[in-house]
Amino acid sequence: SLGGAEASADSVADAIIRHQDIFV
C-alpha cells in the first residue's frame, strides 16, 4: 500500500511467518 516492491513485501512476509521456526 506504501508503494514497496512486491518482491520486498514477499521477502518480509516470508521472514515474519518463519521467524519462530526455531526447531526446524
PDBML (XML) file of the C-alpha atoms, coordinates in Angstrom:
<?xml version="1.0" encoding="UTF-8" ?>
<PDBx:datablock datablockName="MODEL"
   xmlns:PDBx="http://pdbml.pdb.org/schema/pdbx-v50.xsd"
   xmlns:xsi="http://www.w3.org/2001/XMLSchema-instance"
   xsi:schemaLocation="http://pdbml.pdb.org/schema/pdbx-v50.xsd pdbx-v50.xsd">
   <PDBx:atom_siteCategory>
      <PDBx:atom_site id="1">
         <PDBx:B_iso_or_equiv>0.00</PDBx:B_iso_or_equiv>
         <PDBx:Cartn_x>0.000</PDBx:Cartn_x>
         <PDBx:Cartn_y>0.000</PDBx:Cartn_y>
         <PDBx:Cartn_z>0.000</PDBx:Cartn_z>
         <PDBx:auth_asym_id>A</PDBx:auth_asym_id>
         <PDBx:auth_atom_id>CA</PDBx:auth_atom_id>
         <PDBx:auth_comp_id>SER</PDBx:auth_comp_id>
         <PDBx:auth_seq_id>1</PDBx:auth_seq_id>
         <PDBx:group_PDB>ATOM</PDBx:group_PDB>
         <PDBx:label_alt_id xsi:nil="true" />
         <PDBx:label_asym_id>A</PDBx:label_asym_id>
         <PDBx:label_atom_id>CA</PDBx:label_atom_id>
         <PDBx:label_comp_id>SER</PDBx:label_comp_id>
         <PDBx:label_entity_id>1</PDBx:label_entity_id>
         <PDBx:label_seq_id>1</PDBx:label_seq_id>
         <PDBx:occupancy>1.00</PDBx:occupancy>
         <PDBx:pdbx_PDB_model_num>1</PDBx:pdbx_PDB_model_num>
         <PDBx:type_symbol>C</PDBx:type_symbol>
      </PDBx:atom_site>
      <PDBx:atom_site id="2">
         <PDBx:B_iso_or_equiv>0.00</PDBx:B_iso_or_equiv>
         <PDBx:Cartn_x>3.002</PDBx:Cartn_x>
         <PDBx:Cartn_y>2.283</PDBx:Cartn_y>
         <PDBx:Cartn_z>0.538</PDBx:Cartn_z>
         <PDBx:auth_asym_id>A</PDBx:auth_asym_id>
         <PDBx:auth_atom_id>CA</PDBx:auth_atom_id>
         <PDBx:auth_comp_id>LEU</PDBx:auth_comp_id>
         <PDBx:auth_seq_id>2</PDBx:auth_seq_id>
         <PDBx:group_PDB>ATOM</PDBx:group_PDB>
         <PDBx:label_alt_id xsi:nil="true" />
         <PDBx:label_asym_id>A</PDBx:label_asym_id>
         <PDBx:label_atom_id>CA</PDBx:label_atom_id>
         <PDBx:label_comp_id>LEU</PDBx:label_comp_id>
         <PDBx:label_entity_id>1</PDBx:label_entity_id>
         <PDBx:label_seq_id>2</PDBx:label_seq_id>
         <PDBx:occupancy>1.00</PDBx:occupancy>
         <PDBx:pdbx_PDB_model_num>1</PDBx:pdbx_PDB_model_num>
         <PDBx:type_symbol>C</PDBx:type_symbol>
      </PDBx:atom_site>
      <PDBx:atom_site id="3">
         <PDBx:B_iso_or_equiv>0.00</PDBx:B_iso_or_equiv>
         <PDBx:Cartn_x>4.401</PDBx:Cartn_x>
         <PDBx:Cartn_y>1.548</PDBx:Cartn_y>
         <PDBx:Cartn_z>-2.903</PDBx:Cartn_z>
         <PDBx:auth_asym_id>A</PDBx:auth_asym_id>
         <PDBx:auth_atom_id>CA</PDBx:auth_atom_id>
         <PDBx:auth_comp_id>GLY</PDBx:auth_comp_id>
         <PDBx:auth_seq_id>3</PDBx:auth_seq_id>
         <PDBx:group_PDB>ATOM</PDBx:group_PDB>
         <PDBx:label_alt_id xsi:nil="true" />
         <PDBx:label_asym_id>A</PDBx:label_asym_id>
         <PDBx:label_atom_id>CA</PDBx:label_atom_id>
         <PDBx:label_comp_id>GLY</PDBx:label_comp_id>
         <PDBx:label_entity_id>1</PDBx:label_entity_id>
         <PDBx:label_seq_id>3</PDBx:label_seq_id>
         <PDBx:occupancy>1.00</PDBx:occupancy>
         <PDBx:pdbx_PDB_model_num>1</PDBx:pdbx_PDB_model_num>
         <PDBx:type_symbol>C</PDBx:type_symbol>
      </PDBx:atom_site>
      <PDBx:atom_site id="4">
         <PDBx:B_iso_or_equiv>0.00</PDBx:B_iso_or_equiv>
         <PDBx:Cartn_x>7.010</PDBx:Cartn_x>
         <PDBx:Cartn_y>-1.009</PDBx:Cartn_y>
         <PDBx:Cartn_z>-1.878</PDBx:Cartn_z>
         <PDBx:auth_asym_id>A</PDBx:auth_asym_id>
         <PDBx:auth_atom_id>CA</PDBx:auth_atom_id>
         <PDBx:auth_comp_id>GLY</PDBx:auth_comp_id>
         <PDBx:auth_seq_id>4</PDBx:auth_seq_id>
         <PDBx:group_PDB>ATOM</PDBx:group_PDB>
         <PDBx:label_alt_id xsi:nil="true" />
         <PDBx:label_asym_id>A</PDBx:label_asym_id>
         <PDBx:label_atom_id>CA</PDBx:label_atom_id>
         <PDBx:label_comp_id>GLY</PDBx:label_comp_id>
         <PDBx:label_entity_id>1</PDBx:label_entity_id>
         <PDBx:label_seq_id>4</PDBx:label_seq_id>
         <PDBx:occupancy>1.00</PDBx:occupancy>
         <PDBx:pdbx_PDB_model_num>1</PDBx:pdbx_PDB_model_num>
         <PDBx:type_symbol>C</PDBx:type_symbol>
      </PDBx:atom_site>
      <PDBx:atom_site id="5">
         <PDBx:B_iso_or_equiv>0.00</PDBx:B_iso_or_equiv>
         <PDBx:Cartn_x>8.204</PDBx:Cartn_x>
         <PDBx:Cartn_y>-3.603</PDBx:Cartn_y>
         <PDBx:Cartn_z>-4.354</PDBx:Cartn_z>
         <PDBx:auth_asym_id>A</PDBx:auth_asym_id>
         <PDBx:auth_atom_id>CA</PDBx:auth_atom_id>
         <PDBx:auth_comp_id>ALA</PDBx:auth_comp_id>
         <PDBx:auth_seq_id>5</PDBx:auth_seq_id>
         <PDBx:group_PDB>ATOM</PDBx:group_PDB>
         <PDBx:label_alt_id xsi:nil="true" />
         <PDBx:label_asym_id>A</PDBx:label_asym_id>
         <PDBx:label_atom_id>CA</PDBx:label_atom_id>
         <PDBx:label_comp_id>ALA</PDBx:label_comp_id>
         <PDBx:label_entity_id>1</PDBx:label_entity_id>
         <PDBx:label_seq_id>5</PDBx:label_seq_id>
         <PDBx:occupancy>1.00</PDBx:occupancy>
         <PDBx:pdbx_PDB_model_num>1</PDBx:pdbx_PDB_model_num>
         <PDBx:type_symbol>C</PDBx:type_symbol>
      </PDBx:atom_site>
      <PDBx:atom_site id="6">
         <PDBx:B_iso_or_equiv>0.00</PDBx:B_iso_or_equiv>
         <PDBx:Cartn_x>6.232</PDBx:Cartn_x>
         <PDBx:Cartn_y>-6.843</PDBx:Cartn_y>
         <PDBx:Cartn_z>-4.342</PDBx:Cartn_z>
         <PDBx:auth_asym_id>A</PDBx:auth_asym_id>
         <PDBx:auth_atom_id>CA</PDBx:auth_atom_id>
         <PDBx:auth_comp_id>GLU</PDBx:auth_comp_id>
         <PDBx:auth_seq_id>6</PDBx:auth_seq_id>
         <PDBx:group_PDB>ATOM</PDBx:group_PDB>
         <PDBx:label_alt_id xsi:nil="true" />
         <PDBx:label_asym_id>A</PDBx:label_asym_id>
         <PDBx:label_atom_id>CA</PDBx:label_atom_id>
         <PDBx:label_comp_id>GLU</PDBx:label_comp_id>
         <PDBx:label_entity_id>1</PDBx:label_entity_id>
         <PDBx:label_seq_id>6</PDBx:label_seq_id>
         <PDBx:occupancy>1.00</PDBx:occupancy>
         <PDBx:pdbx_PDB_model_num>1</PDBx:pdbx_PDB_model_num>
         <PDBx:type_symbol>C</PDBx:type_symbol>
      </PDBx:atom_site>
      <PDBx:atom_site id="7">
         <PDBx:B_iso_or_equiv>0.00</PDBx:B_iso_or_equiv>
         <PDBx:Cartn_x>9.450</PDBx:Cartn_x>
         <PDBx:Cartn_y>-8.834</PDBx:Cartn_y>
         <PDBx:Cartn_z>-4.010</PDBx:Cartn_z>
         <PDBx:auth_asym_id>A</PDBx:auth_asym_id>
         <PDBx:auth_atom_id>CA</PDBx:auth_atom_id>
         <PDBx:auth_comp_id>ALA</PDBx:auth_comp_id>
         <PDBx:auth_seq_id>7</PDBx:auth_seq_id>
         <PDBx:group_PDB>ATOM</PDBx:group_PDB>
         <PDBx:label_alt_id xsi:nil="true" />
         <PDBx:label_asym_id>A</PDBx:label_asym_id>
         <PDBx:label_atom_id>CA</PDBx:label_atom_id>
         <PDBx:label_comp_id>ALA</PDBx:label_comp_id>
         <PDBx:label_entity_id>1</PDBx:label_entity_id>
         <PDBx:label_seq_id>7</PDBx:label_seq_id>
         <PDBx:occupancy>1.00</PDBx:occupancy>
         <PDBx:pdbx_PDB_model_num>1</PDBx:pdbx_PDB_model_num>
         <PDBx:type_symbol>C</PDBx:type_symbol>
      </PDBx:atom_site>
      <PDBx:atom_site id="8">
         <PDBx:B_iso_or_equiv>0.00</PDBx:B_iso_or_equiv>
         <PDBx:Cartn_x>10.343</PDBx:Cartn_x>
         <PDBx:Cartn_y>-6.854</PDBx:Cartn_y>
         <PDBx:Cartn_z>-0.885</PDBx:Cartn_z>
         <PDBx:auth_asym_id>A</PDBx:auth_asym_id>
         <PDBx:auth_atom_id>CA</PDBx:auth_atom_id>
         <PDBx:auth_comp_id>SER</PDBx:auth_comp_id>
         <PDBx:auth_seq_id>8</PDBx:auth_seq_id>
         <PDBx:group_PDB>ATOM</PDBx:group_PDB>
         <PDBx:label_alt_id xsi:nil="true" />
         <PDBx:label_asym_id>A</PDBx:label_asym_id>
         <PDBx:label_atom_id>CA</PDBx:label_atom_id>
         <PDBx:label_comp_id>SER</PDBx:label_comp_id>
         <PDBx:label_entity_id>1</PDBx:label_entity_id>
         <PDBx:label_seq_id>8</PDBx:label_seq_id>
         <PDBx:occupancy>1.00</PDBx:occupancy>
         <PDBx:pdbx_PDB_model_num>1</PDBx:pdbx_PDB_model_num>
         <PDBx:type_symbol>C</PDBx:type_symbol>
      </PDBx:atom_site>
      <PDBx:atom_site id="9">
         <PDBx:B_iso_or_equiv>0.00</PDBx:B_iso_or_equiv>
         <PDBx:Cartn_x>6.864</PDBx:Cartn_x>
         <PDBx:Cartn_y>-7.377</PDBx:Cartn_y>
         <PDBx:Cartn_z>0.569</PDBx:Cartn_z>
         <PDBx:auth_asym_id>A</PDBx:auth_asym_id>
         <PDBx:auth_atom_id>CA</PDBx:auth_atom_id>
         <PDBx:auth_comp_id>ALA</PDBx:auth_comp_id>
         <PDBx:auth_seq_id>9</PDBx:auth_seq_id>
         <PDBx:group_PDB>ATOM</PDBx:group_PDB>
         <PDBx:label_alt_id xsi:nil="true" />
         <PDBx:label_asym_id>A</PDBx:label_asym_id>
         <PDBx:label_atom_id>CA</PDBx:label_atom_id>
         <PDBx:label_comp_id>ALA</PDBx:label_comp_id>
         <PDBx:label_entity_id>1</PDBx:label_entity_id>
         <PDBx:label_seq_id>9</PDBx:label_seq_id>
         <PDBx:occupancy>1.00</PDBx:occupancy>
         <PDBx:pdbx_PDB_model_num>1</PDBx:pdbx_PDB_model_num>
         <PDBx:type_symbol>C</PDBx:type_symbol>
      </PDBx:atom_site>
      <PDBx:atom_site id="10">
         <PDBx:B_iso_or_equiv>0.00</PDBx:B_iso_or_equiv>
         <PDBx:Cartn_x>7.124</PDBx:Cartn_x>
         <PDBx:Cartn_y>-11.095</PDBx:Cartn_y>
         <PDBx:Cartn_z>-0.160</PDBx:Cartn_z>
         <PDBx:auth_asym_id>A</PDBx:auth_asym_id>
         <PDBx:auth_atom_id>CA</PDBx:auth_atom_id>
         <PDBx:auth_comp_id>ASP</PDBx:auth_comp_id>
         <PDBx:auth_seq_id>10</PDBx:auth_seq_id>
         <PDBx:group_PDB>ATOM</PDBx:group_PDB>
         <PDBx:label_alt_id xsi:nil="true" />
         <PDBx:label_asym_id>A</PDBx:label_asym_id>
         <PDBx:label_atom_id>CA</PDBx:label_atom_id>
         <PDBx:label_comp_id>ASP</PDBx:label_comp_id>
         <PDBx:label_entity_id>1</PDBx:label_entity_id>
         <PDBx:label_seq_id>10</PDBx:label_seq_id>
         <PDBx:occupancy>1.00</PDBx:occupancy>
         <PDBx:pdbx_PDB_model_num>1</PDBx:pdbx_PDB_model_num>
         <PDBx:type_symbol>C</PDBx:type_symbol>
      </PDBx:atom_site>
      <PDBx:atom_site id="11">
         <PDBx:B_iso_or_equiv>0.00</PDBx:B_iso_or_equiv>
         <PDBx:Cartn_x>10.560</PDBx:Cartn_x>
         <PDBx:Cartn_y>-11.342</PDBx:Cartn_y>
         <PDBx:Cartn_z>1.449</PDBx:Cartn_z>
         <PDBx:auth_asym_id>A</PDBx:auth_asym_id>
         <PDBx:auth_atom_id>CA</PDBx:auth_atom_id>
         <PDBx:auth_comp_id>SER</PDBx:auth_comp_id>
         <PDBx:auth_seq_id>11</PDBx:auth_seq_id>
         <PDBx:group_PDB>ATOM</PDBx:group_PDB>
         <PDBx:label_alt_id xsi:nil="true" />
         <PDBx:label_asym_id>A</PDBx:label_asym_id>
         <PDBx:label_atom_id>CA</PDBx:label_atom_id>
         <PDBx:label_comp_id>SER</PDBx:label_comp_id>
         <PDBx:label_entity_id>1</PDBx:label_entity_id>
         <PDBx:label_seq_id>11</PDBx:label_seq_id>
         <PDBx:occupancy>1.00</PDBx:occupancy>
         <PDBx:pdbx_PDB_model_num>1</PDBx:pdbx_PDB_model_num>
         <PDBx:type_symbol>C</PDBx:type_symbol>
      </PDBx:atom_site>
      <PDBx:atom_site id="12">
         <PDBx:B_iso_or_equiv>0.00</PDBx:B_iso_or_equiv>
         <PDBx:Cartn_x>9.321</PDBx:Cartn_x>
         <PDBx:Cartn_y>-9.562</PDBx:Cartn_y>
         <PDBx:Cartn_z>4.574</PDBx:Cartn_z>
         <PDBx:auth_asym_id>A</PDBx:auth_asym_id>
         <PDBx:auth_atom_id>CA</PDBx:auth_atom_id>
         <PDBx:auth_comp_id>VAL</PDBx:auth_comp_id>
         <PDBx:auth_seq_id>12</PDBx:auth_seq_id>
         <PDBx:group_PDB>ATOM</PDBx:group_PDB>
         <PDBx:label_alt_id xsi:nil="true" />
         <PDBx:label_asym_id>A</PDBx:label_asym_id>
         <PDBx:label_atom_id>CA</PDBx:label_atom_id>
         <PDBx:label_comp_id>VAL</PDBx:label_comp_id>
         <PDBx:label_entity_id>1</PDBx:label_entity_id>
         <PDBx:label_seq_id>12</PDBx:label_seq_id>
         <PDBx:occupancy>1.00</PDBx:occupancy>
         <PDBx:pdbx_PDB_model_num>1</PDBx:pdbx_PDB_model_num>
         <PDBx:type_symbol>C</PDBx:type_symbol>
      </PDBx:atom_site>
      <PDBx:atom_site id="13">
         <PDBx:B_iso_or_equiv>0.00</PDBx:B_iso_or_equiv>
         <PDBx:Cartn_x>6.198</PDBx:Cartn_x>
         <PDBx:Cartn_y>-11.722</PDBx:Cartn_y>
         <PDBx:Cartn_z>4.829</PDBx:Cartn_z>
         <PDBx:auth_asym_id>A</PDBx:auth_asym_id>
         <PDBx:auth_atom_id>CA</PDBx:auth_atom_id>
         <PDBx:auth_comp_id>ALA</PDBx:auth_comp_id>
         <PDBx:auth_seq_id>13</PDBx:auth_seq_id>
         <PDBx:group_PDB>ATOM</PDBx:group_PDB>
         <PDBx:label_alt_id xsi:nil="true" />
         <PDBx:label_asym_id>A</PDBx:label_asym_id>
         <PDBx:label_atom_id>CA</PDBx:label_atom_id>
         <PDBx:label_comp_id>ALA</PDBx:label_comp_id>
         <PDBx:label_entity_id>1</PDBx:label_entity_id>
         <PDBx:label_seq_id>13</PDBx:label_seq_id>
         <PDBx:occupancy>1.00</PDBx:occupancy>
         <PDBx:pdbx_PDB_model_num>1</PDBx:pdbx_PDB_model_num>
         <PDBx:type_symbol>C</PDBx:type_symbol>
      </PDBx:atom_site>
      <PDBx:atom_site id="14">
         <PDBx:B_iso_or_equiv>0.00</PDBx:B_iso_or_equiv>
         <PDBx:Cartn_x>8.139</PDBx:Cartn_x>
         <PDBx:Cartn_y>-14.946</PDBx:Cartn_y>
         <PDBx:Cartn_z>4.374</PDBx:Cartn_z>
         <PDBx:auth_asym_id>A</PDBx:auth_asym_id>
         <PDBx:auth_atom_id>CA</PDBx:auth_atom_id>
         <PDBx:auth_comp_id>ASP</PDBx:auth_comp_id>
         <PDBx:auth_seq_id>14</PDBx:auth_seq_id>
         <PDBx:group_PDB>ATOM</PDBx:group_PDB>
         <PDBx:label_alt_id xsi:nil="true" />
         <PDBx:label_asym_id>A</PDBx:label_asym_id>
         <PDBx:label_atom_id>CA</PDBx:label_atom_id>
         <PDBx:label_comp_id>ASP</PDBx:label_comp_id>
         <PDBx:label_entity_id>1</PDBx:label_entity_id>
         <PDBx:label_seq_id>14</PDBx:label_seq_id>
         <PDBx:occupancy>1.00</PDBx:occupancy>
         <PDBx:pdbx_PDB_model_num>1</PDBx:pdbx_PDB_model_num>
         <PDBx:type_symbol>C</PDBx:type_symbol>
      </PDBx:atom_site>
      <PDBx:atom_site id="15">
         <PDBx:B_iso_or_equiv>0.00</PDBx:B_iso_or_equiv>
         <PDBx:Cartn_x>10.622</PDBx:Cartn_x>
         <PDBx:Cartn_y>-13.963</PDBx:Cartn_y>
         <PDBx:Cartn_z>7.070</PDBx:Cartn_z>
         <PDBx:auth_asym_id>A</PDBx:auth_asym_id>
         <PDBx:auth_atom_id>CA</PDBx:auth_atom_id>
         <PDBx:auth_comp_id>ALA</PDBx:auth_comp_id>
         <PDBx:auth_seq_id>15</PDBx:auth_seq_id>
         <PDBx:group_PDB>ATOM</PDBx:group_PDB>
         <PDBx:label_alt_id xsi:nil="true" />
         <PDBx:label_asym_id>A</PDBx:label_asym_id>
         <PDBx:label_atom_id>CA</PDBx:label_atom_id>
         <PDBx:label_comp_id>ALA</PDBx:label_comp_id>
         <PDBx:label_entity_id>1</PDBx:label_entity_id>
         <PDBx:label_seq_id>15</PDBx:label_seq_id>
         <PDBx:occupancy>1.00</PDBx:occupancy>
         <PDBx:pdbx_PDB_model_num>1</PDBx:pdbx_PDB_model_num>
         <PDBx:type_symbol>C</PDBx:type_symbol>
      </PDBx:atom_site>
      <PDBx:atom_site id="16">
         <PDBx:B_iso_or_equiv>0.00</PDBx:B_iso_or_equiv>
         <PDBx:Cartn_x>7.873</PDBx:Cartn_x>
         <PDBx:Cartn_y>-12.966</PDBx:Cartn_y>
         <PDBx:Cartn_z>9.526</PDBx:Cartn_z>
         <PDBx:auth_asym_id>A</PDBx:auth_asym_id>
         <PDBx:auth_atom_id>CA</PDBx:auth_atom_id>
         <PDBx:auth_comp_id>ILE</PDBx:auth_comp_id>
         <PDBx:auth_seq_id>16</PDBx:auth_seq_id>
         <PDBx:group_PDB>ATOM</PDBx:group_PDB>
         <PDBx:label_alt_id xsi:nil="true" />
         <PDBx:label_asym_id>A</PDBx:label_asym_id>
         <PDBx:label_atom_id>CA</PDBx:label_atom_id>
         <PDBx:label_comp_id>ILE</PDBx:label_comp_id>
         <PDBx:label_entity_id>1</PDBx:label_entity_id>
         <PDBx:label_seq_id>16</PDBx:label_seq_id>
         <PDBx:occupancy>1.00</PDBx:occupancy>
         <PDBx:pdbx_PDB_model_num>1</PDBx:pdbx_PDB_model_num>
         <PDBx:type_symbol>C</PDBx:type_symbol>
      </PDBx:atom_site>
      <PDBx:atom_site id="17">
         <PDBx:B_iso_or_equiv>0.00</PDBx:B_iso_or_equiv>
         <PDBx:Cartn_x>5.916</PDBx:Cartn_x>
         <PDBx:Cartn_y>-16.188</PDBx:Cartn_y>
         <PDBx:Cartn_z>9.002</PDBx:Cartn_z>
         <PDBx:auth_asym_id>A</PDBx:auth_asym_id>
         <PDBx:auth_atom_id>CA</PDBx:auth_atom_id>
         <PDBx:auth_comp_id>ILE</PDBx:auth_comp_id>
         <PDBx:auth_seq_id>17</PDBx:auth_seq_id>
         <PDBx:group_PDB>ATOM</PDBx:group_PDB>
         <PDBx:label_alt_id xsi:nil="true" />
         <PDBx:label_asym_id>A</PDBx:label_asym_id>
         <PDBx:label_atom_id>CA</PDBx:label_atom_id>
         <PDBx:label_comp_id>ILE</PDBx:label_comp_id>
         <PDBx:label_entity_id>1</PDBx:label_entity_id>
         <PDBx:label_seq_id>17</PDBx:label_seq_id>
         <PDBx:occupancy>1.00</PDBx:occupancy>
         <PDBx:pdbx_PDB_model_num>1</PDBx:pdbx_PDB_model_num>
         <PDBx:type_symbol>C</PDBx:type_symbol>
      </PDBx:atom_site>
      <PDBx:atom_site id="18">
         <PDBx:B_iso_or_equiv>0.00</PDBx:B_iso_or_equiv>
         <PDBx:Cartn_x>9.017</PDBx:Cartn_x>
         <PDBx:Cartn_y>-18.257</PDBx:Cartn_y>
         <PDBx:Cartn_z>9.710</PDBx:Cartn_z>
         <PDBx:auth_asym_id>A</PDBx:auth_asym_id>
         <PDBx:auth_atom_id>CA</PDBx:auth_atom_id>
         <PDBx:auth_comp_id>ARG</PDBx:auth_comp_id>
         <PDBx:auth_seq_id>18</PDBx:auth_seq_id>
         <PDBx:group_PDB>ATOM</PDBx:group_PDB>
         <PDBx:label_alt_id xsi:nil="true" />
         <PDBx:label_asym_id>A</PDBx:label_asym_id>
         <PDBx:label_atom_id>CA</PDBx:label_atom_id>
         <PDBx:label_comp_id>ARG</PDBx:label_comp_id>
         <PDBx:label_entity_id>1</PDBx:label_entity_id>
         <PDBx:label_seq_id>18</PDBx:label_seq_id>
         <PDBx:occupancy>1.00</PDBx:occupancy>
         <PDBx:pdbx_PDB_model_num>1</PDBx:pdbx_PDB_model_num>
         <PDBx:type_symbol>C</PDBx:type_symbol>
      </PDBx:atom_site>
      <PDBx:atom_site id="19">
         <PDBx:B_iso_or_equiv>0.00</PDBx:B_iso_or_equiv>
         <PDBx:Cartn_x>10.716</PDBx:Cartn_x>
         <PDBx:Cartn_y>-16.207</PDBx:Cartn_y>
         <PDBx:Cartn_z>12.404</PDBx:Cartn_z>
         <PDBx:auth_asym_id>A</PDBx:auth_asym_id>
         <PDBx:auth_atom_id>CA</PDBx:auth_atom_id>
         <PDBx:auth_comp_id>HIS</PDBx:auth_comp_id>
         <PDBx:auth_seq_id>19</PDBx:auth_seq_id>
         <PDBx:group_PDB>ATOM</PDBx:group_PDB>
         <PDBx:label_alt_id xsi:nil="true" />
         <PDBx:label_asym_id>A</PDBx:label_asym_id>
         <PDBx:label_atom_id>CA</PDBx:label_atom_id>
         <PDBx:label_comp_id>HIS</PDBx:label_comp_id>
         <PDBx:label_entity_id>1</PDBx:label_entity_id>
         <PDBx:label_seq_id>19</PDBx:label_seq_id>
         <PDBx:occupancy>1.00</PDBx:occupancy>
         <PDBx:pdbx_PDB_model_num>1</PDBx:pdbx_PDB_model_num>
         <PDBx:type_symbol>C</PDBx:type_symbol>
      </PDBx:atom_site>
      <PDBx:atom_site id="20">
         <PDBx:B_iso_or_equiv>0.00</PDBx:B_iso_or_equiv>
         <PDBx:Cartn_x>9.721</PDBx:Cartn_x>
         <PDBx:Cartn_y>-18.623</PDBx:Cartn_y>
         <PDBx:Cartn_z>15.177</PDBx:Cartn_z>
         <PDBx:auth_asym_id>A</PDBx:auth_asym_id>
         <PDBx:auth_atom_id>CA</PDBx:auth_atom_id>
         <PDBx:auth_comp_id>GLN</PDBx:auth_comp_id>
         <PDBx:auth_seq_id>20</PDBx:auth_seq_id>
         <PDBx:group_PDB>ATOM</PDBx:group_PDB>
         <PDBx:label_alt_id xsi:nil="true" />
         <PDBx:label_asym_id>A</PDBx:label_asym_id>
         <PDBx:label_atom_id>CA</PDBx:label_atom_id>
         <PDBx:label_comp_id>GLN</PDBx:label_comp_id>
         <PDBx:label_entity_id>1</PDBx:label_entity_id>
         <PDBx:label_seq_id>20</PDBx:label_seq_id>
         <PDBx:occupancy>1.00</PDBx:occupancy>
         <PDBx:pdbx_PDB_model_num>1</PDBx:pdbx_PDB_model_num>
         <PDBx:type_symbol>C</PDBx:type_symbol>
      </PDBx:atom_site>
      <PDBx:atom_site id="21">
         <PDBx:B_iso_or_equiv>0.00</PDBx:B_iso_or_equiv>
         <PDBx:Cartn_x>10.546</PDBx:Cartn_x>
         <PDBx:Cartn_y>-21.829</PDBx:Cartn_y>
         <PDBx:Cartn_z>13.264</PDBx:Cartn_z>
         <PDBx:auth_asym_id>A</PDBx:auth_asym_id>
         <PDBx:auth_atom_id>CA</PDBx:auth_atom_id>
         <PDBx:auth_comp_id>ASP</PDBx:auth_comp_id>
         <PDBx:auth_seq_id>21</PDBx:auth_seq_id>
         <PDBx:group_PDB>ATOM</PDBx:group_PDB>
         <PDBx:label_alt_id xsi:nil="true" />
         <PDBx:label_asym_id>A</PDBx:label_asym_id>
         <PDBx:label_atom_id>CA</PDBx:label_atom_id>
         <PDBx:label_comp_id>ASP</PDBx:label_comp_id>
         <PDBx:label_entity_id>1</PDBx:label_entity_id>
         <PDBx:label_seq_id>21</PDBx:label_seq_id>
         <PDBx:occupancy>1.00</PDBx:occupancy>
         <PDBx:pdbx_PDB_model_num>1</PDBx:pdbx_PDB_model_num>
         <PDBx:type_symbol>C</PDBx:type_symbol>
      </PDBx:atom_site>
      <PDBx:atom_site id="22">
         <PDBx:B_iso_or_equiv>0.00</PDBx:B_iso_or_equiv>
         <PDBx:Cartn_x>13.395</PDBx:Cartn_x>
         <PDBx:Cartn_y>-22.364</PDBx:Cartn_y>
         <PDBx:Cartn_z>15.687</PDBx:Cartn_z>
         <PDBx:auth_asym_id>A</PDBx:auth_asym_id>
         <PDBx:auth_atom_id>CA</PDBx:auth_atom_id>
         <PDBx:auth_comp_id>ILE</PDBx:auth_comp_id>
         <PDBx:auth_seq_id>22</PDBx:auth_seq_id>
         <PDBx:group_PDB>ATOM</PDBx:group_PDB>
         <PDBx:label_alt_id xsi:nil="true" />
         <PDBx:label_asym_id>A</PDBx:label_asym_id>
         <PDBx:label_atom_id>CA</PDBx:label_atom_id>
         <PDBx:label_comp_id>ILE</PDBx:label_comp_id>
         <PDBx:label_entity_id>1</PDBx:label_entity_id>
         <PDBx:label_seq_id>22</PDBx:label_seq_id>
         <PDBx:occupancy>1.00</PDBx:occupancy>
         <PDBx:pdbx_PDB_model_num>1</PDBx:pdbx_PDB_model_num>
         <PDBx:type_symbol>C</PDBx:type_symbol>
      </PDBx:atom_site>
      <PDBx:atom_site id="23">
         <PDBx:B_iso_or_equiv>0.00</PDBx:B_iso_or_equiv>
         <PDBx:Cartn_x>13.142</PDBx:Cartn_x>
         <PDBx:Cartn_y>-26.157</PDBx:Cartn_y>
         <PDBx:Cartn_z>15.848</PDBx:Cartn_z>
         <PDBx:auth_asym_id>A</PDBx:auth_asym_id>
         <PDBx:auth_atom_id>CA</PDBx:auth_atom_id>
         <PDBx:auth_comp_id>PHE</PDBx:auth_comp_id>
         <PDBx:auth_seq_id>23</PDBx:auth_seq_id>
         <PDBx:group_PDB>ATOM</PDBx:group_PDB>
         <PDBx:label_alt_id xsi:nil="true" />
         <PDBx:label_asym_id>A</PDBx:label_asym_id>
         <PDBx:label_atom_id>CA</PDBx:label_atom_id>
         <PDBx:label_comp_id>PHE</PDBx:label_comp_id>
         <PDBx:label_entity_id>1</PDBx:label_entity_id>
         <PDBx:label_seq_id>23</PDBx:label_seq_id>
         <PDBx:occupancy>1.00</PDBx:occupancy>
         <PDBx:pdbx_PDB_model_num>1</PDBx:pdbx_PDB_model_num>
         <PDBx:type_symbol>C</PDBx:type_symbol>
      </PDBx:atom_site>
      <PDBx:atom_site id="24">
         <PDBx:B_iso_or_equiv>0.00</PDBx:B_iso_or_equiv>
         <PDBx:Cartn_x>13.125</PDBx:Cartn_x>
         <PDBx:Cartn_y>-26.897</PDBx:Cartn_y>
         <PDBx:Cartn_z>12.115</PDBx:Cartn_z>
         <PDBx:auth_asym_id>A</PDBx:auth_asym_id>
         <PDBx:auth_atom_id>CA</PDBx:auth_atom_id>
         <PDBx:auth_comp_id>VAL</PDBx:auth_comp_id>
         <PDBx:auth_seq_id>24</PDBx:auth_seq_id>
         <PDBx:group_PDB>ATOM</PDBx:group_PDB>
         <PDBx:label_alt_id xsi:nil="true" />
         <PDBx:label_asym_id>A</PDBx:label_asym_id>
         <PDBx:label_atom_id>CA</PDBx:label_atom_id>
         <PDBx:label_comp_id>VAL</PDBx:label_comp_id>
         <PDBx:label_entity_id>1</PDBx:label_entity_id>
         <PDBx:label_seq_id>24</PDBx:label_seq_id>
         <PDBx:occupancy>1.00</PDBx:occupancy>
         <PDBx:pdbx_PDB_model_num>1</PDBx:pdbx_PDB_model_num>
         <PDBx:type_symbol>C</PDBx:type_symbol>
      </PDBx:atom_site>
   </PDBx:atom_siteCategory>
</PDBx:datablock>
